[in-house]
Amino acid sequence: LADTNDHPNACEIFQRANKIDSSISLSTVYRTMKTLEVNGTIHRHTFSGGPSRFEQADGQHHDHLI
């Protein structure tokens, strides 16, 4: 997430990670995202009609236009 300019969902994160390490599973991505969210390292954004999207919690506030 630190190297992205977008707010990927779990499947997009999985696809990107899988290109680097094909042994990574989608369930590993979901578990990792949950752990990072609980630790305050990332933020989850849930918009109606779509999957949750994630971003690094860098302390800089910005708005999301839907």
PDB file of N, CA and C in Angstrom:
ATOM      1  N   LEU A   1       0.813  -1.207   0.000  1.00  0.00           N
ATOM      2  CA  LEU A   1       0.000   0.000   0.000  1.00  0.00           C
ATOM      3  C   LEU A   1       0.849   1.260   0.000  1.00  0.00           C
ATOM      4  N   ALA A   2       2.014   1.174   0.597  1.00  0.00           N
ATOM      5  CA  ALA A   2       2.874   2.356   0.653  1.00  0.00           C
ATOM      6  C   ALA A   2       3.325   2.799  -0.732  1.00  0.00           C
ATOM      7  N   ASP A   3       3.370   1.877  -1.668  1.00  0.00           N
ATOM      8  CA  ASP A   3       3.845   2.195  -3.017  1.00  0.00           C
ATOM      9  C   ASP A   3       2.720   2.424  -4.018  1.00  0.00           C
ATOM     10  N   THR A   4       1.481   2.548  -3.543  1.00  0.00           N
ATOM     11  CA  THR A   4       0.360   2.721  -4.464  1.00  0.00           C
ATOM     12  C   THR A   4      -0.173   4.148  -4.419  1.00  0.00           C
ATOM     13  N   ASN A   5      -0.803   4.537  -5.497  1.00  0.00           N
ATOM     14  CA  ASN A   5      -1.470   5.839  -5.559  1.00  0.00           C
ATOM     15  C   ASN A   5      -2.978   5.679  -5.545  1.00  0.00           C
ATOM     16  N   ASP A   6      -3.433   4.441  -5.413  1.00  0.00           N
ATOM     17  CA  ASP A   6      -4.865   4.171  -5.412  1.00  0.00           C
ATOM     18  C   ASP A   6      -5.264   3.535  -4.083  1.00  0.00           C
ATOM     19  N   HIS A   7      -6.493   3.117  -3.986  1.00  0.00           N
ATOM     20  CA  HIS A   7      -7.021   2.471  -2.792  1.00  0.00           C
ATOM     21  C   HIS A   7      -7.504   1.080  -3.211  1.00  0.00           C
ATOM     22  N   PRO A   8      -6.600   0.107  -3.270  1.00  0.00           N
ATOM     23  CA  PRO A   8      -6.969  -1.208  -3.783  1.00  0.00           C
ATOM     24  C   PRO A   8      -7.859  -1.985  -2.821  1.00  0.00           C
ATOM     25  N   ASN A   9      -8.633  -2.911  -3.393  1.00  0.00           N
ATOM     26  CA  ASN A   9      -9.402  -3.828  -2.562  1.00  0.00           C
ATOM     27  C   ASN A   9      -8.551  -5.077  -2.336  1.00  0.00           C
ATOM     28  N   ALA A  10      -9.047  -6.016  -1.542  1.00  0.00           N
ATOM     29  CA  ALA A  10      -8.265  -7.199  -1.181  1.00  0.00           C
ATOM     30  C   ALA A  10      -7.879  -8.031  -2.401  1.00  0.00           C
ATOM     31  N   CYS A  11      -8.775  -8.172  -3.361  1.00  0.00           N
ATOM     32  CA  CYS A  11      -8.463  -8.955  -4.570  1.00  0.00           C
ATOM     33  C   CYS A  11      -7.367  -8.287  -5.391  1.00  0.00           C
ATOM     34  N   GLU A  12      -7.399  -6.969  -5.476  1.00  0.00           N
ATOM     35  CA  GLU A  12      -6.351  -6.248  -6.206  1.00  0.00           C
ATOM     36  C   GLU A  12      -5.010  -6.374  -5.493  1.00  0.00           C
ATOM     37  N   ILE A  13      -5.030  -6.306  -4.170  1.00  0.00           N
ATOM     38  CA  ILE A  13      -3.800  -6.484  -3.393  1.00  0.00           C
ATOM     39  C   ILE A  13      -3.263  -7.893  -3.610  1.00  0.00           C
ATOM     40  N   PHE A  14      -4.148  -8.882  -3.593  1.00  0.00           N
ATOM     41  CA  PHE A  14      -3.747 -10.266  -3.836  1.00  0.00           C
ATOM     42  C   PHE A  14      -3.098 -10.418  -5.210  1.00  0.00           C
ATOM     43  N   GLN A  15      -3.706  -9.854  -6.232  1.00  0.00           N
ATOM     44  CA  GLN A  15      -3.158  -9.965  -7.591  1.00  0.00           C
ATOM     45  C   GLN A  15      -1.766  -9.345  -7.681  1.00  0.00           C
ATOM     46  N   ARG A  16      -1.575  -8.220  -7.032  1.00  0.00           N
ATOM     47  CA  ARG A  16      -0.266  -7.558  -7.055  1.00  0.00           C
ATOM     48  C   ARG A  16       0.766  -8.366  -6.271  1.00  0.00           C
ATOM     49  N   ALA A  17       0.371  -8.853  -5.103  1.00  0.00           N
ATOM     50  CA  ALA A  17       1.288  -9.634  -4.271  1.00  0.00           C
ATOM     51  C   ALA A  17       1.634 -10.960  -4.929  1.00  0.00           C
ATOM     52  N   ASN A  18       0.656 -11.557  -5.603  1.00  0.00           N
ATOM     53  CA  ASN A  18       0.853 -12.849  -6.248  1.00  0.00           C
ATOM     54  C   ASN A  18       1.877 -12.765  -7.378  1.00  0.00           C
ATOM     55  N   LYS A  19       2.024 -11.610  -7.993  1.00  0.00           N
ATOM     56  CA  LYS A  19       3.047 -11.425  -9.029  1.00  0.00           C
ATOM     57  C   LYS A  19       4.449 -11.465  -8.423  1.00  0.00           C
ATOM     58  N   ILE A  20       4.549 -11.069  -7.159  1.00  0.00           N
ATOM     59  CA  ILE A  20       5.834 -11.052  -6.458  1.00  0.00           C
ATOM     60  C   ILE A  20       6.119 -12.410  -5.832  1.00  0.00           C
ATOM     61  N   ASP A  21       5.091 -13.022  -5.246  1.00  0.00           N
ATOM     62  CA  ASP A  21       5.238 -14.319  -4.575  1.00  0.00           C
ATOM     63  C   ASP A  21       3.986 -15.140  -4.838  1.00  0.00           C
ATOM     64  N   SER A  22       4.092 -16.115  -5.716  1.00  0.00           N
ATOM     65  CA  SER A  22       2.922 -16.904  -6.122  1.00  0.00           C
ATOM     66  C   SER A  22       2.408 -17.834  -5.028  1.00  0.00           C
ATOM     67  N   SER A  23       3.116 -17.946  -3.907  1.00  0.00           N
ATOM     68  CA  SER A  23       2.641 -18.808  -2.819  1.00  0.00           C
ATOM     69  C   SER A  23       1.659 -18.086  -1.893  1.00  0.00           C
ATOM     70  N   ILE A  24       1.470 -16.780  -2.080  1.00  0.00           N
ATOM     71  CA  ILE A  24       0.539 -16.011  -1.248  1.00  0.00           C
ATOM     72  C   ILE A  24      -0.893 -16.355  -1.642  1.00  0.00           C
ATOM     73  N   SER A  25      -1.732 -16.589  -0.631  1.00  0.00           N
ATOM     74  CA  SER A  25      -3.139 -16.907  -0.896  1.00  0.00           C
ATOM     75  C   SER A  25      -4.018 -15.698  -0.589  1.00  0.00           C
ATOM     76  N   LEU A  26      -5.227 -15.729  -1.127  1.00  0.00           N
ATOM     77  CA  LEU A  26      -6.178 -14.648  -0.871  1.00  0.00           C
ATOM     78  C   LEU A  26      -6.524 -14.584   0.612  1.00  0.00           C
ATOM     79  N   SER A  27      -6.631 -15.736   1.267  1.00  0.00           N
ATOM     80  CA  SER A  27      -6.946 -15.718   2.702  1.00  0.00           C
ATOM     81  C   SER A  27      -5.809 -15.092   3.510  1.00  0.00           C
ATOM     82  N   THR A  28      -4.573 -15.256   3.068  1.00  0.00           N
ATOM     83  CA  THR A  28      -3.449 -14.591   3.731  1.00  0.00           C
ATOM     84  C   THR A  28      -3.588 -13.080   3.613  1.00  0.00           C
ATOM     85  N   VAL A  29      -3.999 -12.612   2.451  1.00  0.00           N
ATOM     86  CA  VAL A  29      -4.201 -11.172   2.252  1.00  0.00           C
ATOM     87  C   VAL A  29      -5.292 -10.666   3.189  1.00  0.00           C
ATOM     88  N   TYR A  30      -6.423 -11.368   3.260  1.00  0.00           N
ATOM     89  CA  TYR A  30      -7.514 -10.940   4.142  1.00  0.00           C
ATOM     90  C   TYR A  30      -7.066 -10.912   5.601  1.00  0.00           C
ATOM     91  N   ARG A  31      -6.357 -11.937   6.059  1.00  0.00           N
ATOM     92  CA  ARG A  31      -5.878 -11.972   7.447  1.00  0.00           C
ATOM     93  C   ARG A  31      -4.903 -10.833   7.718  1.00  0.00           C
ATOM     94  N   THR A  32      -4.001 -10.602   6.786  1.00  0.00           N
ATOM     95  CA  THR A  32      -3.007  -9.543   6.955  1.00  0.00           C
ATOM     96  C   THR A  32      -3.660  -8.172   6.980  1.00  0.00           C
ATOM     97  N   MET A  33      -4.627  -7.951   6.096  1.00  0.00           N
ATOM     98  CA  MET A  33      -5.310  -6.662   6.069  1.00  0.00           C
ATOM     99  C   MET A  33      -6.054  -6.422   7.378  1.00  0.00           C
ATOM    100  N   LYS A  34      -6.678  -7.449   7.923  1.00  0.00           N
ATOM    101  CA  LYS A  34      -7.392  -7.320   9.199  1.00  0.00           C
ATOM    102  C   LYS A  34      -6.417  -6.969  10.320  1.00  0.00           C
ATOM    103  N   THR A  35      -5.274  -7.647  10.364  1.00  0.00           N
ATOM    104  CA  THR A  35      -4.265  -7.370  11.388  1.00  0.00           C
ATOM    105  C   THR A  35      -3.742  -5.942  11.266  1.00  0.00           C
ATOM    106  N   LEU A  36      -3.437  -5.515  10.054  1.00  0.00           N
ATOM    107  CA  LEU A  36      -2.940  -4.151   9.842  1.00  0.00           C
ATOM    108  C   LEU A  36      -3.991  -3.103  10.197  1.00  0.00           C
ATOM    109  N   GLU A  37      -5.253  -3.430   9.948  1.00  0.00           N
ATOM    110  CA  GLU A  37      -6.335  -2.510  10.302  1.00  0.00           C
ATOM    111  C   GLU A  37      -6.468  -2.386  11.821  1.00  0.00           C
ATOM    112  N   VAL A  38      -6.434  -3.506  12.513  1.00  0.00           N
ATOM    113  CA  VAL A  38      -6.542  -3.507  13.980  1.00  0.00           C
ATOM    114  C   VAL A  38      -5.373  -2.739  14.600  1.00  0.00           C
ATOM    115  N   ASN A  39      -4.195  -2.874  14.005  1.00  0.00           N
ATOM    116  CA  ASN A  39      -3.006  -2.183  14.520  1.00  0.00           C
ATOM    117  C   ASN A  39      -2.960  -0.704  14.153  1.00  0.00           C
ATOM    118  N   GLY A  40      -3.880  -0.256  13.304  1.00  0.00           N
ATOM    119  CA  GLY A  40      -3.911   1.142  12.908  1.00  0.00           C
ATOM    120  C   GLY A  40      -2.925   1.498  11.806  1.00  0.00           C
ATOM    121  N   THR A  41      -2.369   0.477  11.152  1.00  0.00           N
ATOM    122  CA  THR A  41      -1.399   0.701  10.084  1.00  0.00           C
ATOM    123  C   THR A  41      -2.081   1.080   8.780  1.00  0.00           C
ATOM    124  N   ILE A  42      -3.297   0.574   8.579  1.00  0.00           N
ATOM    125  CA  ILE A  42      -4.067   0.886   7.373  1.00  0.00           C
ATOM    126  C   ILE A  42      -5.477   1.317   7.760  1.00  0.00           C
ATOM    127  N   HIS A  43      -6.152   1.953   6.821  1.00  0.00           N
ATOM    128  CA  HIS A  43      -7.563   2.313   6.968  1.00  0.00           C
ATOM    129  C   HIS A  43      -8.378   1.536   5.954  1.00  0.00           C
ATOM    130  N   ARG A  44      -9.544   1.091   6.390  1.00  0.00           N
ATOM    131  CA  ARG A  44     -10.503   0.432   5.497  1.00  0.00           C
ATOM    132  C   ARG A  44     -11.580   1.447   5.148  1.00  0.00           C
ATOM    133  N   HIS A  45     -11.915   1.522   3.869  1.00  0.00           N
ATOM    134  CA  HIS A  45     -12.998   2.380   3.404  1.00  0.00           C
ATOM    135  C   HIS A  45     -14.042   1.488   2.750  1.00  0.00           C
ATOM    136  N   THR A  46     -15.268   1.599   3.221  1.00  0.00           N
ATOM    137  CA  THR A  46     -16.352   0.802   2.668  1.00  0.00           C
ATOM    138  C   THR A  46     -17.357   1.739   2.020  1.00  0.00           C
ATOM    139  N   PHE A  47     -17.558   1.550   0.736  1.00  0.00           N
ATOM    140  CA  PHE A  47     -18.511   2.343  -0.024  1.00  0.00           C
ATOM    141  C   PHE A  47     -19.630   1.423  -0.476  1.00  0.00           C
ATOM    142  N   SER A  48     -20.841   1.930  -0.541  1.00  0.00           N
ATOM    143  CA  SER A  48     -21.971   1.086  -0.930  1.00  0.00           C
ATOM    144  C   SER A  48     -21.789   0.555  -2.347  1.00  0.00           C
ATOM    145  N   GLY A  49     -22.134  -0.710  -2.512  1.00  0.00           N
ATOM    146  CA  GLY A  49     -22.093  -1.313  -3.837  1.00  0.00           C
ATOM    147  C   GLY A  49     -20.740  -1.814  -4.281  1.00  0.00           C
ATOM    148  N   GLY A  50     -19.768  -1.864  -3.397  1.00  0.00           N
ATOM    149  CA  GLY A  50     -18.450  -2.331  -3.806  1.00  0.00           C
ATOM    150  C   GLY A  50     -17.668  -2.908  -2.645  1.00  0.00           C
ATOM    151  N   PRO A  51     -16.540  -3.518  -2.954  1.00  0.00           N
ATOM    152  CA  PRO A  51     -15.717  -4.111  -1.895  1.00  0.00           C
ATOM    153  C   PRO A  51     -14.994  -3.032  -1.085  1.00  0.00           C
ATOM    154  N   SER A  52     -14.584  -3.392   0.112  1.00  0.00           N
ATOM    155  CA  SER A  52     -13.794  -2.472   0.933  1.00  0.00           C
ATOM    156  C   SER A  52     -12.483  -2.166   0.236  1.00  0.00           C
ATOM    157  N   ARG A  53     -12.031  -0.947   0.413  1.00  0.00           N
ATOM    158  CA  ARG A  53     -10.759  -0.513  -0.171  1.00  0.00           C
ATOM    159  C   ARG A  53      -9.851  -0.072   0.965  1.00  0.00           C
ATOM    160  N   PHE A  54      -8.557  -0.165   0.744  1.00  0.00           N
ATOM    161  CA  PHE A  54      -7.589   0.065   1.809  1.00  0.00           C
ATOM    162  C   PHE A  54      -6.577   1.128   1.414  1.00  0.00           C
ATOM    163  N   GLU A  55      -6.068   1.820   2.442  1.00  0.00           N
ATOM    164  CA  GLU A  55      -4.977   2.765   2.239  1.00  0.00           C
ATOM    165  C   GLU A  55      -4.108   2.788   3.481  1.00  0.00           C
ATOM    166  N   GLN A  56      -2.867   3.170   3.296  1.00  0.00           N
ATOM    167  CA  GLN A  56      -1.935   3.275   4.399  1.00  0.00           C
ATOM    168  C   GLN A  56      -2.375   4.412   5.311  1.00  0.00           C
ATOM    169  N   ALA A  57      -2.280   4.207   6.611  1.00  0.00           N
ATOM    170  CA  ALA A  57      -2.638   5.236   7.593  1.00  0.00           C
ATOM    171  C   ALA A  57      -1.407   6.096   7.844  1.00  0.00           C
ATOM    172  N   ASP A  58      -1.245   7.137   7.043  1.00  0.00           N
ATOM    173  CA  ASP A  58      -0.054   7.977   7.161  1.00  0.00           C
ATOM    174  C   ASP A  58      -0.301   9.259   7.944  1.00  0.00           C
ATOM    175  N   GLY A  59      -1.504   9.410   8.454  1.00  0.00           N
ATOM    176  CA  GLY A  59      -1.802  10.570   9.272  1.00  0.00           C
ATOM    177  C   GLY A  59      -2.271  11.800   8.516  1.00  0.00           C
ATOM    178  N   GLN A  60      -2.216  11.772   7.189  1.00  0.00           N
ATOM    179  CA  GLN A  60      -2.660  12.916   6.401  1.00  0.00           C
ATOM    180  C   GLN A  60      -4.114  12.715   6.001  1.00  0.00           C
ATOM    181  N   HIS A  61      -4.982  13.595   6.465  1.00  0.00           N
ATOM    182  CA  HIS A  61      -6.400  13.481   6.138  1.00  0.00           C
ATOM    183  C   HIS A  61      -6.650  13.926   4.704  1.00  0.00           C
ATOM    184  N   HIS A  62      -7.501  13.180   4.024  1.00  0.00           N
ATOM    185  CA  HIS A  62      -7.980  13.600   2.711  1.00  0.00           C
ATOM    186  C   HIS A  62      -9.372  13.031   2.507  1.00  0.00           C
ATOM    187  N   ASP A  63     -10.149  13.705   1.703  1.00  0.00           N
ATOM    188  CA  ASP A  63     -11.528  13.287   1.467  1.00  0.00           C
ATOM    189  C   ASP A  63     -11.609  12.327   0.294  1.00  0.00           C
ATOM    190  N   HIS A  64     -12.710  11.578   0.261  1.00  0.00           N
ATOM    191  CA  HIS A  64     -12.983  10.650  -0.833  1.00  0.00           C
ATOM    192  C   HIS A  64     -14.293  11.053  -1.484  1.00  0.00           C
ATOM    193  N   LEU A  65     -14.249  11.372  -2.742  1.00  0.00           N
ATOM    194  CA  LEU A  65     -15.434  11.748  -3.496  1.00  0.00           C
ATOM    195  C   LEU A  65     -15.977  10.516  -4.192  1.00  0.00           C
ATOM    196  N   ILE A  66     -17.229  10.236  -3.956  1.00  0.00           N
ATOM    197  CA  ILE A  66     -17.854   9.043  -4.542  1.00  0.00           C
ATOM    198  C   ILE A  66     -18.744   9.460  -5.677  1.00  0.00           C
TER     199      ILE A  66
END
